[in-house]
């Protein structure tokens, strides 16, 4: 796994050997960032990386100009890999790690982010509840972008009253790009498409 673009371009990231954890592939990551490039300006944004694992998505955003990334990961082995990657890229001052359950974090968060990555385990039972949990939390502001990955075999409903919704497929992965709506508007932020 590597950083695709930006100041850390080409740098390799460590990953876990736990086969129950499915890191985002380089192909899916490329597809995600190709979509985002036309929707948001990375310079100076604040990012939330939920189910962060090795931190691949948040660190990619940091490489492209994000000012800060907050990582949320529950398991200690994954946090150890994430901390190793942060040390290797020398970006500790721009990162915060919370060891927490994502649903607990969303209920207790008190600030919003410009870009939110959500990469849960494919077999997670509550995966369909994530969009509503995000809408119900304080992590969104109008124009926030949410990128949610899931298996194409899973059903993840997106509340279209709260989000502009784009769905894309990359291999076995479905990618939801959700833009939090302005009251009465489209909710777009950054570069218009």
C-alpha atoms as a PDB file:
ATOM      1  CA  UNK A   1       0.000   0.000   0.000  1.00  0.00           C
ATOM      2  CA  UNK A   2       1.368   3.406  -0.942  1.00  0.00           C
ATOM      3  CA  UNK A   3       0.584   7.122  -1.012  1.00  0.00           C
ATOM      4  CA  UNK A   4      -0.621   7.959  -4.528  1.00  0.00           C
ATOM      5  CA  UNK A   5      -0.063  11.719  -4.810  1.00  0.00           C
ATOM      6  CA  UNK A   6       1.094  14.837  -3.004  1.00  0.00           C
ATOM      7  CA  UNK A   7       4.015  15.527  -0.687  1.00  0.00           C
ATOM      8  CA  UNK A   8       4.280  11.862   0.444  1.00  0.00           C
ATOM      9  CA  UNK A   9       3.794  10.436  -3.061  1.00  0.00           C
ATOM     10  CA  UNK A  10       5.243   6.953  -3.504  1.00  0.00           C
ATOM     11  CA  UNK A  11       5.841   6.377   0.222  1.00  0.00           C
ATOM     12  CA  UNK A  12       4.925   2.862   1.338  1.00  0.00           C
ATOM     13  CA  UNK A  13       2.545   2.345   4.266  1.00  0.00           C
ATOM     14  CA  UNK A  14       2.629  -0.546   6.699  1.00  0.00           C
ATOM     15  CA  UNK A  15      -0.509  -2.691   6.927  1.00  0.00           C
ATOM     16  CA  UNK A  16      -1.784  -5.342   9.289  1.00  0.00           C
ATOM     17  CA  UNK A  17      -1.426  -9.048   8.541  1.00  0.00           C
ATOM     18  CA  UNK A  18      -4.857  -9.685  10.056  1.00  0.00           C
ATOM     19  CA  UNK A  19      -6.861 -11.128   7.147  1.00  0.00           C
ATOM     20  CA  UNK A  20     -10.174 -10.165   8.782  1.00  0.00           C
ATOM     21  CA  UNK A  21      -9.265  -6.512   8.161  1.00  0.00           C
ATOM     22  CA  UNK A  22      -9.717  -5.325   4.571  1.00  0.00           C
ATOM     23  CA  UNK A  23      -7.583  -2.270   3.824  1.00  0.00           C
ATOM     24  CA  UNK A  24      -8.639  -0.013   0.969  1.00  0.00           C
ATOM     25  CA  UNK A  25      -6.871  -1.210  -2.170  1.00  0.00           C
ATOM     26  CA  UNK A  26      -4.736   1.194  -4.206  1.00  0.00           C
ATOM     27  CA  UNK A  27      -7.293   0.807  -7.016  1.00  0.00           C
ATOM     28  CA  UNK A  28     -10.243   1.808  -4.811  1.00  0.00           C
ATOM     29  CA  UNK A  29      -8.227   4.628  -3.244  1.00  0.00           C
ATOM     30  CA  UNK A  30      -7.349   5.963  -6.695  1.00  0.00           C
ATOM     31  CA  UNK A  31     -11.048   5.854  -7.660  1.00  0.00           C
ATOM     32  CA  UNK A  32     -12.024   7.720  -4.471  1.00  0.00           C
ATOM     33  CA  UNK A  33      -9.467  10.477  -4.905  1.00  0.00           C
ATOM     34  CA  UNK A  34     -10.218  10.841  -8.623  1.00  0.00           C
ATOM     35  CA  UNK A  35     -13.815  11.659  -7.652  1.00  0.00           C
ATOM     36  CA  UNK A  36     -12.782  13.945  -4.780  1.00  0.00           C
ATOM     37  CA  UNK A  37     -10.313  15.935  -6.905  1.00  0.00           C
ATOM     38  CA  UNK A  38     -13.283  17.434  -8.777  1.00  0.00           C
ATOM     39  CA  UNK A  39     -15.332  18.131  -5.663  1.00  0.00           C
ATOM     40  CA  UNK A  40     -13.057  19.540  -2.972  1.00  0.00           C
ATOM     41  CA  UNK A  41      -9.887  21.583  -2.592  1.00  0.00           C
ATOM     42  CA  UNK A  42      -7.638  19.598  -0.224  1.00  0.00           C
ATOM     43  CA  UNK A  43      -5.470  22.496   0.906  1.00  0.00           C
ATOM     44  CA  UNK A  44      -6.269  23.374   4.511  1.00  0.00           C
ATOM     45  CA  UNK A  45      -9.224  21.010   5.018  1.00  0.00           C
ATOM     46  CA  UNK A  46      -9.845  19.061   8.218  1.00  0.00           C
ATOM     47  CA  UNK A  47     -10.418  15.336   7.794  1.00  0.00           C
ATOM     48  CA  UNK A  48     -12.033  12.631   9.914  1.00  0.00           C
ATOM     49  CA  UNK A  49     -10.985   9.033   9.154  1.00  0.00           C
ATOM     50  CA  UNK A  50     -13.411   6.526  10.741  1.00  0.00           C
ATOM     51  CA  UNK A  51     -12.432   2.840  10.972  1.00  0.00           C
ATOM     52  CA  UNK A  52      -9.035   4.208  10.008  1.00  0.00           C
ATOM     53  CA  UNK A  53      -6.981   1.005  10.207  1.00  0.00           C
ATOM     54  CA  UNK A  54      -3.506   1.817   8.858  1.00  0.00           C
ATOM     55  CA  UNK A  55      -4.622   5.382   8.073  1.00  0.00           C
ATOM     56  CA  UNK A  56      -4.261   5.046   4.305  1.00  0.00           C
ATOM     57  CA  UNK A  57      -7.140   7.373   3.380  1.00  0.00           C
ATOM     58  CA  UNK A  58      -6.456  10.074   5.964  1.00  0.00           C
ATOM     59  CA  UNK A  59      -2.732  10.072   5.237  1.00  0.00           C
ATOM     60  CA  UNK A  60      -3.431  10.352   1.507  1.00  0.00           C
ATOM     61  CA  UNK A  61      -5.557  13.448   2.218  1.00  0.00           C
ATOM     62  CA  UNK A  62      -2.759  14.860   4.380  1.00  0.00           C
ATOM     63  CA  UNK A  63      -0.276  14.266   1.561  1.00  0.00           C
ATOM     64  CA  UNK A  64      -2.554  16.262  -0.763  1.00  0.00           C
ATOM     65  CA  UNK A  65      -2.710  19.295   1.518  1.00  0.00           C
ATOM     66  CA  UNK A  66      -5.171  18.629   4.360  1.00  0.00           C
ATOM     67  CA  UNK A  67      -4.192  20.585   7.464  1.00  0.00           C
ATOM     68  CA  UNK A  68      -5.217  17.956  10.032  1.00  0.00           C
ATOM     69  CA  UNK A  69      -6.600  14.425  10.253  1.00  0.00           C
ATOM     70  CA  UNK A  70      -8.471  12.863  13.172  1.00  0.00           C
ATOM     71  CA  UNK A  71      -8.283   9.064  13.124  1.00  0.00           C
ATOM     72  CA  UNK A  72     -10.803   6.840  14.910  1.00  0.00           C
ATOM     73  CA  UNK A  73      -9.887   3.176  15.307  1.00  0.00           C
ATOM     74  CA  UNK A  74     -10.995   0.648  17.892  1.00  0.00           C
ATOM     75  CA  UNK A  75      -8.334  -2.065  17.806  1.00  0.00           C
ATOM     76  CA  UNK A  76      -4.944  -1.665  19.426  1.00  0.00           C
ATOM     77  CA  UNK A  77      -3.020  -3.624  16.722  1.00  0.00           C
ATOM     78  CA  UNK A  78      -4.387  -1.344  13.992  1.00  0.00           C
ATOM     79  CA  UNK A  79      -3.538   1.737  16.050  1.00  0.00           C
ATOM     80  CA  UNK A  80       0.037   0.458  16.409  1.00  0.00           C
ATOM     81  CA  UNK A  81       0.313   0.232  12.584  1.00  0.00           C
ATOM     82  CA  UNK A  82      -1.294   3.686  12.216  1.00  0.00           C
ATOM     83  CA  UNK A  83       1.177   5.195  14.703  1.00  0.00           C
ATOM     84  CA  UNK A  84       4.060   3.560  12.807  1.00  0.00           C
ATOM     85  CA  UNK A  85       2.856   5.123   9.525  1.00  0.00           C
ATOM     86  CA  UNK A  86       2.442   8.545  11.126  1.00  0.00           C
ATOM     87  CA  UNK A  87       5.992   8.356  12.538  1.00  0.00           C
ATOM     88  CA  UNK A  88       7.373   7.243   9.159  1.00  0.00           C
ATOM     89  CA  UNK A  89       5.765  10.254   7.443  1.00  0.00           C
ATOM     90  CA  UNK A  90       6.736  12.590  10.313  1.00  0.00           C
ATOM     91  CA  UNK A  91       3.261  14.113  10.518  1.00  0.00           C
ATOM     92  CA  UNK A  92       2.385  13.678  14.213  1.00  0.00           C
ATOM     93  CA  UNK A  93       1.624  17.380  14.678  1.00  0.00           C
ATOM     94  CA  UNK A  94      -1.138  17.182  12.067  1.00  0.00           C
ATOM     95  CA  UNK A  95      -2.803  14.036  13.415  1.00  0.00           C
ATOM     96  CA  UNK A  96      -4.960  12.983  16.342  1.00  0.00           C
ATOM     97  CA  UNK A  97      -5.855   9.377  17.162  1.00  0.00           C
ATOM     98  CA  UNK A  98      -8.914   8.278  19.144  1.00  0.00           C
ATOM     99  CA  UNK A  99      -9.135   4.649  20.225  1.00  0.00           C
ATOM    100  CA  UNK A 100     -12.912   4.324  20.226  1.00  0.00           C
ATOM    101  CA  UNK A 101     -15.951   2.613  18.770  1.00  0.00           C
ATOM    102  CA  UNK A 102     -17.082   4.683  15.787  1.00  0.00           C
ATOM    103  CA  UNK A 103     -20.743   4.860  16.854  1.00  0.00           C
ATOM    104  CA  UNK A 104     -19.666   6.040  20.331  1.00  0.00           C
ATOM    105  CA  UNK A 105     -17.344   8.628  18.780  1.00  0.00           C
ATOM    106  CA  UNK A 106     -20.099   9.962  16.518  1.00  0.00           C
ATOM    107  CA  UNK A 107     -22.482  10.369  19.477  1.00  0.00           C
ATOM    108  CA  UNK A 108     -19.843  12.235  21.469  1.00  0.00           C
ATOM    109  CA  UNK A 109     -18.158  14.346  18.783  1.00  0.00           C
ATOM    110  CA  UNK A 110     -18.461  18.112  19.250  1.00  0.00           C
ATOM    111  CA  UNK A 111     -16.988  19.487  16.036  1.00  0.00           C
ATOM    112  CA  UNK A 112     -17.401  19.245  12.288  1.00  0.00           C
ATOM    113  CA  UNK A 113     -15.029  18.212   9.500  1.00  0.00           C
ATOM    114  CA  UNK A 114     -14.727  19.040   5.819  1.00  0.00           C
ATOM    115  CA  UNK A 115     -14.101  15.462   4.656  1.00  0.00           C
ATOM    116  CA  UNK A 116     -15.052  12.213   6.389  1.00  0.00           C
ATOM    117  CA  UNK A 117     -13.796   8.785   5.346  1.00  0.00           C
ATOM    118  CA  UNK A 118     -15.805   5.762   6.490  1.00  0.00           C
ATOM    119  CA  UNK A 119     -14.231   2.379   5.695  1.00  0.00           C
ATOM    120  CA  UNK A 120     -15.937  -0.185   7.956  1.00  0.00           C
ATOM    121  CA  UNK A 121     -15.324  -3.946   7.897  1.00  0.00           C
ATOM    122  CA  UNK A 122     -17.421  -5.408   5.077  1.00  0.00           C
ATOM    123  CA  UNK A 123     -19.102  -7.876   7.424  1.00  0.00           C
ATOM    124  CA  UNK A 124     -20.014  -5.323  10.077  1.00  0.00           C
ATOM    125  CA  UNK A 125     -23.628  -5.942  11.105  1.00  0.00           C
ATOM    126  CA  UNK A 126     -24.520  -2.261  11.621  1.00  0.00           C
ATOM    127  CA  UNK A 127     -22.996  -0.968   8.389  1.00  0.00           C
ATOM    128  CA  UNK A 128     -26.393   0.246   7.097  1.00  0.00           C
ATOM    129  CA  UNK A 129     -26.795   2.465  10.187  1.00  0.00           C
ATOM    130  CA  UNK A 130     -23.687   4.539   9.493  1.00  0.00           C
ATOM    131  CA  UNK A 131     -25.183   7.302   7.274  1.00  0.00           C
ATOM    132  CA  UNK A 132     -27.912   8.066   9.821  1.00  0.00           C
ATOM    133  CA  UNK A 133     -25.394   7.970  12.701  1.00  0.00           C
ATOM    134  CA  UNK A 134     -23.263  10.503  10.818  1.00  0.00           C
ATOM    135  CA  UNK A 135     -26.240  12.780  10.094  1.00  0.00           C
ATOM    136  CA  UNK A 136     -27.274  12.605  13.759  1.00  0.00           C
ATOM    137  CA  UNK A 137     -23.821  13.607  14.985  1.00  0.00           C
ATOM    138  CA  UNK A 138     -22.052  16.969  14.995  1.00  0.00           C
ATOM    139  CA  UNK A 139     -19.323  15.957  12.539  1.00  0.00           C
ATOM    140  CA  UNK A 140     -21.073  17.522   9.521  1.00  0.00           C
ATOM    141  CA  UNK A 141     -21.447  21.078   8.367  1.00  0.00           C
ATOM    142  CA  UNK A 142     -23.169  22.113   5.132  1.00  0.00           C
ATOM    143  CA  UNK A 143     -20.928  20.997   2.294  1.00  0.00           C
ATOM    144  CA  UNK A 144     -19.059  18.318   4.257  1.00  0.00           C
ATOM    145  CA  UNK A 145     -18.153  15.347   2.066  1.00  0.00           C
ATOM    146  CA  UNK A 146     -18.536  11.783   3.340  1.00  0.00           C
ATOM    147  CA  UNK A 147     -16.849   8.890   1.522  1.00  0.00           C
ATOM    148  CA  UNK A 148     -18.274   5.537   2.600  1.00  0.00           C
ATOM    149  CA  UNK A 149     -16.980   2.216   1.268  1.00  0.00           C
ATOM    150  CA  UNK A 150     -18.905  -1.046   1.426  1.00  0.00           C
ATOM    151  CA  UNK A 151     -19.223  -4.367  -0.342  1.00  0.00           C
ATOM    152  CA  UNK A 152     -21.443  -4.331  -3.417  1.00  0.00           C
ATOM    153  CA  UNK A 153     -23.383  -7.127  -1.680  1.00  0.00           C
ATOM    154  CA  UNK A 154     -24.332  -4.840   1.238  1.00  0.00           C
ATOM    155  CA  UNK A 155     -27.222  -2.409   1.264  1.00  0.00           C
ATOM    156  CA  UNK A 156     -26.320   0.985   2.696  1.00  0.00           C
ATOM    157  CA  UNK A 157     -29.201   3.461   2.401  1.00  0.00           C
ATOM    158  CA  UNK A 158     -28.207   7.112   2.126  1.00  0.00           C
ATOM    159  CA  UNK A 159     -30.700   9.700   3.457  1.00  0.00           C
ATOM    160  CA  UNK A 160     -31.144  11.784   0.298  1.00  0.00           C
ATOM    161  CA  UNK A 161     -32.892  14.538   2.242  1.00  0.00           C
ATOM    162  CA  UNK A 162     -29.571  15.102   4.033  1.00  0.00           C
ATOM    163  CA  UNK A 163     -27.089  14.326   1.255  1.00  0.00           C
ATOM    164  CA  UNK A 164     -26.427  14.670  -2.421  1.00  0.00           C
ATOM    165  CA  UNK A 165     -25.531  11.059  -3.270  1.00  0.00           C
ATOM    166  CA  UNK A 166     -23.085   9.641  -5.830  1.00  0.00           C
ATOM    167  CA  UNK A 167     -22.499   5.883  -6.078  1.00  0.00           C
ATOM    168  CA  UNK A 168     -19.513   4.364  -7.883  1.00  0.00           C
ATOM    169  CA  UNK A 169     -18.205   0.810  -8.110  1.00  0.00           C
ATOM    170  CA  UNK A 170     -14.547  -0.212  -8.017  1.00  0.00           C
ATOM    171  CA  UNK A 171     -14.237  -3.997  -8.293  1.00  0.00           C
ATOM    172  CA  UNK A 172     -16.101  -5.522  -5.341  1.00  0.00           C
ATOM    173  CA  UNK A 173     -16.226  -2.160  -3.554  1.00  0.00           C
ATOM    174  CA  UNK A 174     -19.111   0.304  -3.683  1.00  0.00           C
ATOM    175  CA  UNK A 175     -18.108   3.901  -3.015  1.00  0.00           C
ATOM    176  CA  UNK A 176     -20.710   6.356  -1.726  1.00  0.00           C
ATOM    177  CA  UNK A 177     -19.825  10.035  -1.987  1.00  0.00           C
ATOM    178  CA  UNK A 178     -22.264  11.966   0.196  1.00  0.00           C
ATOM    179  CA  UNK A 179     -22.344  15.758   0.233  1.00  0.00           C
ATOM    180  CA  UNK A 180     -24.114  17.310   3.228  1.00  0.00           C
ATOM    181  CA  UNK A 181     -26.781  19.638   1.886  1.00  0.00           C
ATOM    182  CA  UNK A 182     -27.115  23.336   2.551  1.00  0.00           C
ATOM    183  CA  UNK A 183     -30.653  24.180   3.702  1.00  0.00           C
ATOM    184  CA  UNK A 184     -32.492  24.440   0.391  1.00  0.00           C
ATOM    185  CA  UNK A 185     -29.300  23.954  -1.655  1.00  0.00           C
ATOM    186  CA  UNK A 186     -27.034  21.353  -3.187  1.00  0.00           C
ATOM    187  CA  UNK A 187     -24.404  21.323  -0.446  1.00  0.00           C
ATOM    188  CA  UNK A 188     -21.495  21.413  -2.882  1.00  0.00           C
ATOM    189  CA  UNK A 189     -18.183  22.697  -1.595  1.00  0.00           C
ATOM    190  CA  UNK A 190     -14.942  23.348  -3.384  1.00  0.00           C
ATOM    191  CA  UNK A 191     -14.587  22.958  -7.136  1.00  0.00           C
ATOM    192  CA  UNK A 192     -17.910  22.506  -8.906  1.00  0.00           C
ATOM    193  CA  UNK A 193     -18.293  19.640 -11.362  1.00  0.00           C
END
